[in-house]
Amino acid sequence: MKIVMLGAPGAGKGTQAKRIAEKYEIPHVSTGDILRANVKGATELGKKAKEFMDQGLLVPDELVIDMLMDRIAQPDCTKGYILDGFPRTIPQAESLDAALEKQGDKLDYAIDVDVPDENIVKRMGGRRACLGCGATYHVVFNPTKEEGVCDVCGEKLILRDDDKPETVQKRLDVYHDQTQPLIDFYKNAGILKTVDGTMEMDRVFEEIVQILGA
């Protein structure tokens, strides 16, 4: 069961990926985690990546795919894996398909957690973070006992710059520009499955389980 998760920032795809990983006992593979692990472990690929990062450059796709292929060759991936955060563009998806094909392998599902922009802007605009202990809340879905005050440590809560409506909209514009075409790419490949991400989180998960099979 080899899955790639799609969805706009704030659509909840990371949360669903973790739940799928737990239920089906397959690893949740994040390219960010792989990159950090390679750099920290000073692997050959990690050293190459660090050269780019030290110059403030993006790590090239080929290098990311090499790290990814190395990761999914590990024993814990024999039953499958969930890719989260990669691919983000059509060229990345094509390169990944080619790398998998070389090994006689392919992706089984691309799951798109679909949430309209206005819902995401509202959802993220309602998030609040504690500067003291790092706890996070939501004014609607997970409010504090006392408004604007952390339940854990009593510090004041803030709306992070990342969660401000104008910042969220910018991130969504980038997503639609770069990543939205992937939805058509995987639809044409016949592996796209779309779930309504506006539903309650447990319901979204149930829908995904129905797609993947119990």
N, C-alpha and C. Protein backbone atom coordinates (compact mmCIF):
# COMPACT_ATOMS: atom_id res chain seq x y z
N MET A 1 0.84 -1.19 0.00
CA MET A 1 0.00 0.00 0.00
C MET A 1 0.88 1.25 0.00
N LYS A 2 1.08 1.80 -1.18
CA LYS A 2 1.97 2.96 -1.31
C LYS A 2 1.12 4.17 -1.65
N ILE A 3 1.12 5.13 -0.73
CA ILE A 3 0.16 6.24 -0.80
C ILE A 3 0.90 7.58 -0.84
N VAL A 4 0.38 8.52 -1.64
CA VAL A 4 0.86 9.89 -1.55
C VAL A 4 -0.33 10.74 -1.10
N MET A 5 -0.08 11.62 -0.11
CA MET A 5 -1.14 12.49 0.42
C MET A 5 -1.09 13.84 -0.27
N LEU A 6 -2.25 14.32 -0.71
CA LEU A 6 -2.36 15.65 -1.33
C LEU A 6 -3.36 16.48 -0.53
N GLY A 7 -3.22 17.79 -0.64
CA GLY A 7 -4.15 18.68 0.07
C GLY A 7 -3.45 19.98 0.38
N ALA A 8 -4.22 21.04 0.42
CA ALA A 8 -3.66 22.37 0.68
C ALA A 8 -3.13 22.47 2.11
N PRO A 9 -2.24 23.45 2.38
CA PRO A 9 -1.78 23.66 3.76
C PRO A 9 -2.99 23.92 4.65
N GLY A 10 -3.06 23.20 5.76
CA GLY A 10 -4.18 23.40 6.68
C GLY A 10 -5.38 22.53 6.38
N ALA A 11 -5.28 21.66 5.34
CA ALA A 11 -6.41 20.78 5.00
C ALA A 11 -6.50 19.59 5.95
N GLY A 12 -5.43 19.34 6.70
CA GLY A 12 -5.45 18.23 7.67
C GLY A 12 -4.85 16.95 7.13
N LYS A 13 -4.11 17.03 6.02
CA LYS A 13 -3.57 15.79 5.42
C LYS A 13 -2.50 15.15 6.29
N GLY A 14 -1.73 15.96 7.02
CA GLY A 14 -0.68 15.43 7.92
C GLY A 14 -1.29 14.60 9.04
N THR A 15 -2.38 15.11 9.60
CA THR A 15 -3.09 14.39 10.68
C THR A 15 -3.62 13.06 10.17
N GLN A 16 -4.23 13.08 8.98
CA GLN A 16 -4.78 11.85 8.41
C GLN A 16 -3.67 10.86 8.05
N ALA A 17 -2.54 11.38 7.55
CA ALA A 17 -1.40 10.51 7.20
C ALA A 17 -0.92 9.74 8.44
N LYS A 18 -0.84 10.44 9.57
CA LYS A 18 -0.38 9.80 10.82
C LYS A 18 -1.35 8.69 11.24
N ARG A 19 -2.65 8.96 11.09
CA ARG A 19 -3.66 7.97 11.48
C ARG A 19 -3.63 6.75 10.57
N ILE A 20 -3.43 6.98 9.27
CA ILE A 20 -3.32 5.86 8.32
C ILE A 20 -2.11 5.02 8.68
N ALA A 21 -0.99 5.70 8.98
CA ALA A 21 0.26 5.00 9.33
C ALA A 21 0.05 4.09 10.53
N GLU A 22 -0.67 4.60 11.54
CA GLU A 22 -0.92 3.81 12.76
C GLU A 22 -1.83 2.61 12.45
N LYS A 23 -2.90 2.85 11.71
CA LYS A 23 -3.88 1.78 11.46
C LYS A 23 -3.26 0.66 10.62
N TYR A 24 -2.54 1.03 9.58
CA TYR A 24 -2.03 0.01 8.64
C TYR A 24 -0.58 -0.41 8.92
N GLU A 25 -0.03 0.18 10.00
CA GLU A 25 1.35 -0.14 10.43
C GLU A 25 2.35 0.02 9.28
N ILE A 26 2.24 1.17 8.63
CA ILE A 26 3.21 1.53 7.58
C ILE A 26 3.79 2.91 7.94
N PRO A 27 5.04 3.19 7.57
CA PRO A 27 5.64 4.46 7.99
C PRO A 27 5.07 5.68 7.26
N HIS A 28 4.98 6.77 8.03
CA HIS A 28 4.58 8.08 7.51
C HIS A 28 5.89 8.76 7.12
N VAL A 29 6.14 8.85 5.82
CA VAL A 29 7.44 9.32 5.34
C VAL A 29 7.35 10.78 4.91
N SER A 30 8.00 11.64 5.71
CA SER A 30 8.01 13.07 5.39
C SER A 30 9.39 13.42 4.85
N THR A 31 9.42 14.09 3.70
CA THR A 31 10.72 14.41 3.09
C THR A 31 11.54 15.34 3.98
N GLY A 32 10.85 16.20 4.74
CA GLY A 32 11.55 17.09 5.68
C GLY A 32 12.31 16.28 6.72
N ASP A 33 11.66 15.23 7.25
CA ASP A 33 12.30 14.37 8.26
C ASP A 33 13.50 13.62 7.66
N ILE A 34 13.32 13.13 6.42
CA ILE A 34 14.40 12.37 5.76
C ILE A 34 15.62 13.28 5.56
N LEU A 35 15.34 14.50 5.10
CA LEU A 35 16.41 15.47 4.83
C LEU A 35 17.18 15.76 6.12
N ARG A 36 16.44 16.04 7.19
CA ARG A 36 17.11 16.34 8.48
C ARG A 36 17.92 15.15 8.97
N ALA A 37 17.37 13.93 8.83
CA ALA A 37 18.06 12.72 9.30
C ALA A 37 19.36 12.49 8.52
N ASN A 38 19.33 12.71 7.21
CA ASN A 38 20.52 12.54 6.39
C ASN A 38 21.60 13.57 6.71
N VAL A 39 21.15 14.81 6.92
CA VAL A 39 22.11 15.88 7.25
C VAL A 39 22.73 15.60 8.62
N LYS A 40 21.87 15.26 9.59
CA LYS A 40 22.34 14.99 10.95
C LYS A 40 23.27 13.78 10.98
N GLY A 41 22.92 12.73 10.21
CA GLY A 41 23.74 11.52 10.19
C GLY A 41 24.96 11.63 9.30
N ALA A 42 25.11 12.79 8.64
CA ALA A 42 26.24 13.06 7.74
C ALA A 42 26.43 11.93 6.72
N THR A 43 25.31 11.46 6.13
CA THR A 43 25.40 10.46 5.07
C THR A 43 25.95 11.15 3.82
N GLU A 44 26.31 10.37 2.81
CA GLU A 44 26.82 10.96 1.56
C GLU A 44 25.78 11.91 0.97
N LEU A 45 24.52 11.45 0.95
CA LEU A 45 23.44 12.29 0.41
C LEU A 45 23.22 13.52 1.29
N GLY A 46 23.32 13.32 2.61
CA GLY A 46 23.15 14.42 3.56
C GLY A 46 24.21 15.50 3.39
N LYS A 47 25.45 15.07 3.14
CA LYS A 47 26.55 16.04 2.93
C LYS A 47 26.30 16.87 1.68
N LYS A 48 25.82 16.18 0.62
CA LYS A 48 25.53 16.90 -0.63
C LYS A 48 24.40 17.91 -0.40
N ALA A 49 23.36 17.47 0.33
CA ALA A 49 22.21 18.34 0.60
C ALA A 49 22.64 19.55 1.41
N LYS A 50 23.53 19.32 2.38
CA LYS A 50 23.98 20.40 3.27
C LYS A 50 24.70 21.50 2.49
N GLU A 51 25.44 21.09 1.45
CA GLU A 51 26.13 22.09 0.62
C GLU A 51 25.13 23.09 0.02
N PHE A 52 24.01 22.57 -0.44
CA PHE A 52 22.98 23.46 -1.01
C PHE A 52 22.33 24.30 0.09
N MET A 53 22.00 23.64 1.21
CA MET A 53 21.32 24.33 2.31
C MET A 53 22.18 25.45 2.89
N ASP A 54 23.49 25.19 2.99
CA ASP A 54 24.40 26.19 3.54
C ASP A 54 24.47 27.44 2.66
N GLN A 55 24.15 27.26 1.39
CA GLN A 55 24.16 28.41 0.47
C GLN A 55 22.78 29.06 0.36
N GLY A 56 21.86 28.53 1.17
CA GLY A 56 20.49 29.05 1.15
C GLY A 56 19.71 28.63 -0.08
N LEU A 57 20.18 27.52 -0.71
CA LEU A 57 19.52 27.03 -1.93
C LEU A 57 18.60 25.84 -1.61
N LEU A 58 17.63 25.61 -2.48
CA LEU A 58 16.77 24.45 -2.32
C LEU A 58 17.55 23.19 -2.70
N VAL A 59 17.30 22.12 -1.99
CA VAL A 59 17.95 20.84 -2.32
C VAL A 59 17.33 20.35 -3.64
N PRO A 60 18.15 20.01 -4.66
CA PRO A 60 17.60 19.58 -5.95
C PRO A 60 16.70 18.35 -5.83
N ASP A 61 15.70 18.30 -6.70
CA ASP A 61 14.74 17.19 -6.70
C ASP A 61 15.41 15.82 -6.77
N GLU A 62 16.46 15.71 -7.64
CA GLU A 62 17.11 14.40 -7.82
C GLU A 62 17.67 13.89 -6.49
N LEU A 63 18.22 14.82 -5.71
CA LEU A 63 18.83 14.46 -4.43
C LEU A 63 17.75 14.03 -3.43
N VAL A 64 16.63 14.77 -3.44
CA VAL A 64 15.51 14.43 -2.54
C VAL A 64 14.98 13.04 -2.91
N ILE A 65 14.86 12.77 -4.20
CA ILE A 65 14.34 11.46 -4.64
C ILE A 65 15.32 10.35 -4.28
N ASP A 66 16.62 10.61 -4.41
CA ASP A 66 17.62 9.61 -3.99
C ASP A 66 17.45 9.26 -2.51
N MET A 67 17.25 10.30 -1.68
CA MET A 67 17.05 10.08 -0.24
C MET A 67 15.75 9.31 0.02
N LEU A 68 14.72 9.68 -0.74
CA LEU A 68 13.41 9.04 -0.59
C LEU A 68 13.50 7.56 -0.97
N MET A 69 14.16 7.26 -2.08
CA MET A 69 14.29 5.87 -2.52
C MET A 69 15.10 5.06 -1.50
N ASP A 70 16.09 5.71 -0.92
CA ASP A 70 16.91 5.08 0.13
C ASP A 70 16.03 4.75 1.34
N ARG A 71 15.13 5.71 1.68
CA ARG A 71 14.26 5.53 2.86
C ARG A 71 13.24 4.41 2.63
N ILE A 72 12.64 4.39 1.42
CA ILE A 72 11.59 3.38 1.21
C ILE A 72 12.16 1.99 0.91
N ALA A 73 13.48 1.92 0.83
CA ALA A 73 14.12 0.60 0.67
C ALA A 73 14.36 -0.05 2.04
N GLN A 74 14.08 0.70 3.13
CA GLN A 74 14.28 0.17 4.48
C GLN A 74 13.23 -0.91 4.79
N PRO A 75 13.58 -1.86 5.69
CA PRO A 75 12.67 -2.99 6.00
C PRO A 75 11.27 -2.57 6.46
N ASP A 76 11.16 -1.42 7.17
CA ASP A 76 9.83 -1.04 7.69
C ASP A 76 8.87 -0.60 6.58
N CYS A 77 9.39 -0.46 5.34
CA CYS A 77 8.53 -0.03 4.24
C CYS A 77 8.06 -1.19 3.36
N THR A 78 8.33 -2.42 3.80
CA THR A 78 7.98 -3.57 2.95
C THR A 78 6.46 -3.68 2.73
N LYS A 79 5.65 -3.26 3.74
CA LYS A 79 4.19 -3.33 3.59
C LYS A 79 3.63 -2.08 2.91
N GLY A 80 4.50 -1.07 2.72
CA GLY A 80 4.05 0.17 2.10
C GLY A 80 4.49 1.38 2.89
N TYR A 81 4.00 2.55 2.50
CA TYR A 81 4.39 3.81 3.14
C TYR A 81 3.43 4.91 2.68
N ILE A 82 3.46 6.02 3.42
CA ILE A 82 2.66 7.20 3.06
C ILE A 82 3.62 8.36 2.84
N LEU A 83 3.58 8.96 1.67
CA LEU A 83 4.42 10.13 1.39
C LEU A 83 3.63 11.39 1.69
N ASP A 84 4.26 12.29 2.45
CA ASP A 84 3.60 13.52 2.85
C ASP A 84 4.57 14.68 2.58
N GLY A 85 4.16 15.64 1.75
CA GLY A 85 5.01 16.78 1.46
C GLY A 85 5.84 16.61 0.20
N PHE A 86 5.70 15.49 -0.46
CA PHE A 86 6.42 15.23 -1.71
C PHE A 86 5.67 14.15 -2.46
N PRO A 87 5.49 14.26 -3.77
CA PRO A 87 5.91 15.37 -4.63
C PRO A 87 5.00 16.59 -4.49
N ARG A 88 5.56 17.76 -4.84
CA ARG A 88 4.79 19.01 -4.80
C ARG A 88 4.53 19.55 -6.20
N THR A 89 5.30 19.07 -7.17
CA THR A 89 5.17 19.58 -8.54
C THR A 89 5.10 18.41 -9.52
N ILE A 90 4.67 18.69 -10.75
CA ILE A 90 4.59 17.65 -11.79
C ILE A 90 5.98 17.05 -12.07
N PRO A 91 7.04 17.88 -12.27
CA PRO A 91 8.35 17.27 -12.52
C PRO A 91 8.80 16.33 -11.39
N GLN A 92 8.49 16.69 -10.13
CA GLN A 92 8.84 15.81 -9.01
C GLN A 92 8.06 14.51 -9.09
N ALA A 93 6.78 14.60 -9.44
CA ALA A 93 5.94 13.40 -9.54
C ALA A 93 6.44 12.50 -10.66
N GLU A 94 6.82 13.10 -11.78
CA GLU A 94 7.33 12.31 -12.91
C GLU A 94 8.63 11.62 -12.56
N SER A 95 9.53 12.37 -11.87
CA SER A 95 10.82 11.78 -11.45
C SER A 95 10.62 10.65 -10.46
N LEU A 96 9.66 10.84 -9.54
CA LEU A 96 9.38 9.80 -8.55
C LEU A 96 8.83 8.55 -9.24
N ASP A 97 7.89 8.74 -10.16
CA ASP A 97 7.33 7.60 -10.91
C ASP A 97 8.44 6.83 -11.64
N ALA A 98 9.35 7.59 -12.27
CA ALA A 98 10.45 6.96 -13.03
C ALA A 98 11.36 6.17 -12.11
N ALA A 99 11.67 6.75 -10.92
CA ALA A 99 12.56 6.07 -9.95
C ALA A 99 11.90 4.79 -9.43
N LEU A 100 10.60 4.85 -9.17
CA LEU A 100 9.87 3.66 -8.69
C LEU A 100 9.79 2.60 -9.80
N GLU A 101 9.54 3.06 -11.01
CA GLU A 101 9.41 2.14 -12.14
C GLU A 101 10.70 1.33 -12.37
N LYS A 102 11.82 2.02 -12.16
CA LYS A 102 13.14 1.35 -12.30
C LYS A 102 13.22 0.13 -11.38
N GLN A 103 12.54 0.23 -10.23
CA GLN A 103 12.56 -0.86 -9.25
C GLN A 103 11.35 -1.79 -9.42
N GLY A 104 10.63 -1.58 -10.51
CA GLY A 104 9.43 -2.40 -10.75
C GLY A 104 8.32 -2.09 -9.77
N ASP A 105 8.26 -0.83 -9.34
CA ASP A 105 7.31 -0.44 -8.30
C ASP A 105 6.45 0.73 -8.79
N LYS A 106 5.35 1.02 -8.07
CA LYS A 106 4.53 2.19 -8.40
C LYS A 106 3.65 2.56 -7.21
N LEU A 107 3.13 3.78 -7.24
CA LEU A 107 2.21 4.23 -6.19
C LEU A 107 0.84 3.58 -6.40
N ASP A 108 0.13 3.32 -5.30
CA ASP A 108 -1.20 2.71 -5.39
C ASP A 108 -2.32 3.74 -5.30
N TYR A 109 -2.14 4.74 -4.42
CA TYR A 109 -3.19 5.74 -4.21
C TYR A 109 -2.59 7.13 -4.05
N ALA A 110 -3.30 8.13 -4.60
CA ALA A 110 -3.04 9.54 -4.27
C ALA A 110 -4.32 10.03 -3.62
N ILE A 111 -4.25 10.35 -2.33
CA ILE A 111 -5.46 10.75 -1.60
C ILE A 111 -5.45 12.26 -1.41
N ASP A 112 -6.46 12.90 -1.98
CA ASP A 112 -6.58 14.36 -1.89
C ASP A 112 -7.60 14.73 -0.82
N VAL A 113 -7.12 15.40 0.23
CA VAL A 113 -8.02 15.89 1.28
C VAL A 113 -8.46 17.29 0.83
N ASP A 114 -9.68 17.35 0.31
CA ASP A 114 -10.15 18.56 -0.37
C ASP A 114 -10.91 19.49 0.58
N VAL A 115 -10.38 20.72 0.73
CA VAL A 115 -11.03 21.72 1.58
C VAL A 115 -10.99 23.06 0.84
N PRO A 116 -12.15 23.74 0.70
CA PRO A 116 -12.14 25.05 0.02
C PRO A 116 -11.26 26.07 0.76
N ASP A 117 -10.69 27.00 -0.01
CA ASP A 117 -9.79 28.01 0.55
C ASP A 117 -10.40 28.76 1.74
N GLU A 118 -11.68 29.17 1.58
CA GLU A 118 -12.28 30.00 2.65
C GLU A 118 -12.34 29.23 3.97
N ASN A 119 -12.58 27.92 3.90
CA ASN A 119 -12.59 27.10 5.12
C ASN A 119 -11.21 27.07 5.77
N ILE A 120 -10.17 26.95 4.92
CA ILE A 120 -8.80 26.87 5.45
C ILE A 120 -8.40 28.19 6.10
N VAL A 121 -8.74 29.30 5.44
CA VAL A 121 -8.41 30.62 6.00
C VAL A 121 -9.07 30.79 7.36
N LYS A 122 -10.35 30.37 7.46
CA LYS A 122 -11.07 30.46 8.74
C LYS A 122 -10.45 29.53 9.78
N ARG A 123 -10.17 28.31 9.34
CA ARG A 123 -9.63 27.27 10.23
C ARG A 123 -8.29 27.71 10.82
N MET A 124 -7.40 28.19 9.95
CA MET A 124 -6.06 28.57 10.41
C MET A 124 -6.08 29.91 11.14
N GLY A 125 -7.00 30.79 10.73
CA GLY A 125 -7.12 32.09 11.40
C GLY A 125 -7.61 31.95 12.83
N GLY A 126 -8.21 30.79 13.15
CA GLY A 126 -8.71 30.55 14.50
C GLY A 126 -7.69 29.90 15.41
N ARG A 127 -6.51 29.57 14.85
CA ARG A 127 -5.49 28.90 15.68
C ARG A 127 -4.81 29.91 16.60
N ARG A 128 -4.50 29.46 17.80
CA ARG A 128 -3.78 30.31 18.76
C ARG A 128 -2.64 29.50 19.36
N ALA A 129 -1.50 30.15 19.56
CA ALA A 129 -0.32 29.46 20.10
C ALA A 129 0.13 30.13 21.39
N CYS A 130 0.65 29.31 22.31
CA CYS A 130 1.17 29.83 23.57
C CYS A 130 2.66 30.08 23.43
N LEU A 131 3.08 31.28 23.74
CA LEU A 131 4.51 31.63 23.66
C LEU A 131 5.31 30.95 24.76
N GLY A 132 4.61 30.64 25.87
CA GLY A 132 5.30 30.06 27.02
C GLY A 132 5.69 28.60 26.81
N CYS A 133 4.67 27.73 26.54
CA CYS A 133 4.97 26.28 26.49
C CYS A 133 4.78 25.67 25.10
N GLY A 134 4.29 26.49 24.14
CA GLY A 134 4.16 25.97 22.78
C GLY A 134 2.85 25.25 22.50
N ALA A 135 1.95 25.18 23.50
CA ALA A 135 0.65 24.51 23.29
C ALA A 135 -0.14 25.27 22.22
N THR A 136 -0.96 24.53 21.45
CA THR A 136 -1.78 25.20 20.43
C THR A 136 -3.26 24.92 20.66
N TYR A 137 -4.07 25.90 20.31
CA TYR A 137 -5.51 25.83 20.51
C TYR A 137 -6.22 26.34 19.27
N HIS A 138 -7.56 26.23 19.30
CA HIS A 138 -8.36 26.82 18.23
C HIS A 138 -9.59 27.46 18.89
N VAL A 139 -9.90 28.69 18.47
CA VAL A 139 -10.98 29.42 19.14
C VAL A 139 -12.34 28.71 19.01
N VAL A 140 -12.51 27.91 17.94
CA VAL A 140 -13.78 27.18 17.76
C VAL A 140 -13.66 25.71 18.15
N PHE A 141 -12.64 25.03 17.59
CA PHE A 141 -12.56 23.57 17.73
C PHE A 141 -11.86 23.10 19.01
N ASN A 142 -11.01 23.95 19.58
CA ASN A 142 -10.27 23.54 20.78
C ASN A 142 -9.97 24.77 21.63
N PRO A 143 -11.04 25.41 22.16
CA PRO A 143 -10.83 26.66 22.89
C PRO A 143 -10.23 26.45 24.29
N THR A 144 -9.63 27.50 24.80
CA THR A 144 -9.10 27.44 26.17
C THR A 144 -10.24 27.74 27.15
N LYS A 145 -10.02 27.36 28.44
CA LYS A 145 -11.04 27.61 29.46
C LYS A 145 -11.26 29.12 29.61
N GLU A 146 -10.14 29.86 29.64
CA GLU A 146 -10.23 31.32 29.72
C GLU A 146 -9.71 31.89 28.40
N GLU A 147 -10.50 32.74 27.78
CA GLU A 147 -10.15 33.25 26.45
C GLU A 147 -8.78 33.93 26.43
N GLY A 148 -7.93 33.50 25.47
CA GLY A 148 -6.63 34.15 25.27
C GLY A 148 -5.56 33.75 26.26
N VAL A 149 -5.88 32.77 27.15
CA VAL A 149 -4.90 32.35 28.16
C VAL A 149 -4.68 30.84 28.07
N CYS A 150 -3.40 30.42 28.10
CA CYS A 150 -3.06 29.00 27.96
C CYS A 150 -3.54 28.19 29.17
N ASP A 151 -4.20 27.04 28.89
CA ASP A 151 -4.68 26.15 29.95
C ASP A 151 -3.51 25.52 30.71
N VAL A 152 -2.40 25.32 30.00
CA VAL A 152 -1.26 24.59 30.59
C VAL A 152 -0.43 25.48 31.51
N CYS A 153 -0.01 26.66 30.98
CA CYS A 153 0.94 27.46 31.78
C CYS A 153 0.45 28.86 32.12
N GLY A 154 -0.74 29.24 31.63
CA GLY A 154 -1.29 30.54 32.00
C GLY A 154 -0.73 31.72 31.23
N GLU A 155 0.14 31.45 30.24
CA GLU A 155 0.70 32.54 29.42
C GLU A 155 -0.35 33.01 28.41
N LYS A 156 -0.07 34.19 27.83
CA LYS A 156 -0.97 34.77 26.84
C LYS A 156 -0.84 34.02 25.51
N LEU A 157 -1.95 33.90 24.78
CA LEU A 157 -1.92 33.24 23.47
C LEU A 157 -1.81 34.27 22.36
N ILE A 158 -1.18 33.85 21.24
CA ILE A 158 -1.04 34.76 20.10
C ILE A 158 -1.54 34.10 18.81
N LEU A 159 -1.84 34.94 17.82
CA LEU A 159 -2.12 34.47 16.46
C LEU A 159 -0.79 34.58 15.73
N ARG A 160 -0.23 33.42 15.33
CA ARG A 160 1.08 33.45 14.67
C ARG A 160 0.97 34.08 13.28
N ASP A 161 2.07 34.71 12.86
CA ASP A 161 2.10 35.34 11.52
C ASP A 161 1.69 34.34 10.44
N ASP A 162 2.15 33.09 10.59
CA ASP A 162 1.85 32.02 9.62
C ASP A 162 0.36 31.77 9.47
N ASP A 163 -0.40 32.07 10.54
CA ASP A 163 -1.83 31.77 10.55
C ASP A 163 -2.70 32.98 10.21
N LYS A 164 -2.06 34.14 9.96
CA LYS A 164 -2.83 35.33 9.60
C LYS A 164 -3.44 35.15 8.22
N PRO A 165 -4.69 35.61 8.02
CA PRO A 165 -5.40 35.35 6.76
C PRO A 165 -4.60 35.67 5.49
N GLU A 166 -3.89 36.82 5.49
CA GLU A 166 -3.16 37.19 4.27
C GLU A 166 -1.99 36.23 3.98
N THR A 167 -1.34 35.72 5.07
CA THR A 167 -0.24 34.77 4.90
C THR A 167 -0.78 33.43 4.41
N VAL A 168 -1.89 33.00 5.01
CA VAL A 168 -2.51 31.72 4.63
C VAL A 168 -2.91 31.78 3.16
N GLN A 169 -3.52 32.90 2.74
CA GLN A 169 -3.97 33.03 1.34
C GLN A 169 -2.78 32.95 0.38
N LYS A 170 -1.65 33.56 0.77
CA LYS A 170 -0.44 33.50 -0.08
C LYS A 170 0.02 32.06 -0.24
N ARG A 171 0.03 31.32 0.88
CA ARG A 171 0.45 29.91 0.83
C ARG A 171 -0.50 29.09 -0.04
N LEU A 172 -1.79 29.41 0.04
CA LEU A 172 -2.78 28.70 -0.77
C LEU A 172 -2.59 29.02 -2.26
N ASP A 173 -2.25 30.27 -2.56
CA ASP A 173 -2.01 30.65 -3.97
C ASP A 173 -0.84 29.86 -4.54
N VAL A 174 0.22 29.71 -3.73
CA VAL A 174 1.39 28.93 -4.17
C VAL A 174 0.98 27.47 -4.38
N TYR A 175 0.19 26.95 -3.45
CA TYR A 175 -0.29 25.56 -3.55
C TYR A 175 -1.07 25.35 -4.86
N HIS A 176 -2.02 26.26 -5.13
CA HIS A 176 -2.84 26.11 -6.34
C HIS A 176 -2.00 26.20 -7.61
N ASP A 177 -1.01 27.05 -7.55
CA ASP A 177 -0.15 27.26 -8.71
C ASP A 177 0.74 26.04 -8.98
N GLN A 178 1.36 25.52 -7.90
CA GLN A 178 2.37 24.46 -8.06
C GLN A 178 1.81 23.05 -7.90
N THR A 179 0.98 22.87 -6.87
CA THR A 179 0.62 21.51 -6.46
C THR A 179 -0.72 21.04 -7.00
N GLN A 180 -1.64 21.98 -7.21
CA GLN A 180 -2.96 21.60 -7.73
C GLN A 180 -2.86 20.76 -9.02
N PRO A 181 -1.93 21.10 -9.96
CA PRO A 181 -1.84 20.27 -11.18
C PRO A 181 -1.57 18.79 -10.91
N LEU A 182 -1.02 18.48 -9.72
CA LEU A 182 -0.77 17.07 -9.36
C LEU A 182 -2.07 16.28 -9.29
N ILE A 183 -3.14 16.98 -8.92
CA ILE A 183 -4.43 16.30 -8.80
C ILE A 183 -4.83 15.74 -10.16
N ASP A 184 -4.67 16.56 -11.22
CA ASP A 184 -4.97 16.08 -12.58
C ASP A 184 -3.99 14.98 -13.00
N PHE A 185 -2.73 15.15 -12.59
CA PHE A 185 -1.69 14.17 -12.95
C PHE A 185 -2.06 12.78 -12.41
N TYR A 186 -2.45 12.74 -11.13
CA TYR A 186 -2.79 11.44 -10.52
C TYR A 186 -4.17 10.94 -10.95
N LYS A 187 -5.05 11.90 -11.32
CA LYS A 187 -6.36 11.49 -11.86
C LYS A 187 -6.13 10.76 -13.19
N ASN A 188 -5.26 11.32 -14.03
CA ASN A 188 -4.95 10.70 -15.32
C ASN A 188 -4.26 9.34 -15.13
N ALA A 189 -3.52 9.22 -14.02
CA ALA A 189 -2.83 7.95 -13.74
C ALA A 189 -3.81 6.90 -13.18
N GLY A 190 -5.03 7.37 -12.85
CA GLY A 190 -6.07 6.45 -12.37
C GLY A 190 -5.95 6.07 -10.91
N ILE A 191 -5.16 6.83 -10.12
CA ILE A 191 -4.99 6.45 -8.70
C ILE A 191 -5.51 7.51 -7.73
N LEU A 192 -6.11 8.60 -8.25
CA LEU A 192 -6.58 9.68 -7.38
C LEU A 192 -7.88 9.30 -6.67
N LYS A 193 -7.92 9.55 -5.35
CA LYS A 193 -9.14 9.40 -4.55
C LYS A 193 -9.31 10.69 -3.77
N THR A 194 -10.51 11.29 -3.86
CA THR A 194 -10.74 12.57 -3.18
C THR A 194 -11.68 12.37 -2.00
N VAL A 195 -11.32 12.97 -0.85
CA VAL A 195 -12.21 12.94 0.31
C VAL A 195 -12.56 14.37 0.70
N ASP A 196 -13.75 14.54 1.25
CA ASP A 196 -14.21 15.87 1.67
C ASP A 196 -13.59 16.21 3.03
N GLY A 197 -12.59 17.09 3.00
CA GLY A 197 -11.86 17.44 4.22
C GLY A 197 -12.58 18.41 5.12
N THR A 198 -13.81 18.86 4.72
CA THR A 198 -14.55 19.79 5.59
C THR A 198 -15.32 19.02 6.67
N MET A 199 -15.38 17.69 6.51
CA MET A 199 -16.09 16.89 7.51
C MET A 199 -15.27 16.81 8.80
N GLU A 200 -15.90 16.33 9.85
CA GLU A 200 -15.22 16.12 11.13
C GLU A 200 -14.07 15.11 10.90
N MET A 201 -12.96 15.31 11.61
CA MET A 201 -11.73 14.54 11.33
C MET A 201 -11.92 13.02 11.34
N ASP A 202 -12.70 12.51 12.29
CA ASP A 202 -12.94 11.06 12.36
C ASP A 202 -13.68 10.56 11.13
N ARG A 203 -14.61 11.39 10.64
CA ARG A 203 -15.39 11.03 9.45
C ARG A 203 -14.49 10.98 8.21
N VAL A 204 -13.58 11.96 8.12
CA VAL A 204 -12.62 11.99 7.00
C VAL A 204 -11.79 10.70 7.02
N PHE A 205 -11.37 10.31 8.22
CA PHE A 205 -10.55 9.10 8.36
C PHE A 205 -11.34 7.85 7.95
N GLU A 206 -12.61 7.80 8.36
CA GLU A 206 -13.47 6.66 7.97
C GLU A 206 -13.57 6.52 6.45
N GLU A 207 -13.72 7.68 5.78
CA GLU A 207 -13.82 7.68 4.31
C GLU A 207 -12.53 7.12 3.69
N ILE A 208 -11.37 7.54 4.26
CA ILE A 208 -10.09 7.09 3.73
C ILE A 208 -9.96 5.57 3.93
N VAL A 209 -10.39 5.09 5.10
CA VAL A 209 -10.32 3.65 5.40
C VAL A 209 -11.18 2.86 4.40
N GLN A 210 -12.35 3.43 4.06
CA GLN A 210 -13.23 2.77 3.08
C GLN A 210 -12.53 2.67 1.72
N ILE A 211 -11.77 3.71 1.36
CA ILE A 211 -11.05 3.70 0.08
C ILE A 211 -9.95 2.63 0.11
N LEU A 212 -9.20 2.59 1.21
CA LEU A 212 -8.05 1.69 1.30
C LEU A 212 -8.43 0.25 1.60
N GLY A 213 -9.62 0.07 2.19
CA GLY A 213 -10.04 -1.27 2.59
C GLY A 213 -9.60 -1.54 4.02
N ALA A 214 -10.45 -2.21 4.78
CA ALA A 214 -10.21 -2.39 6.22
C ALA A 214 -8.92 -3.16 6.48
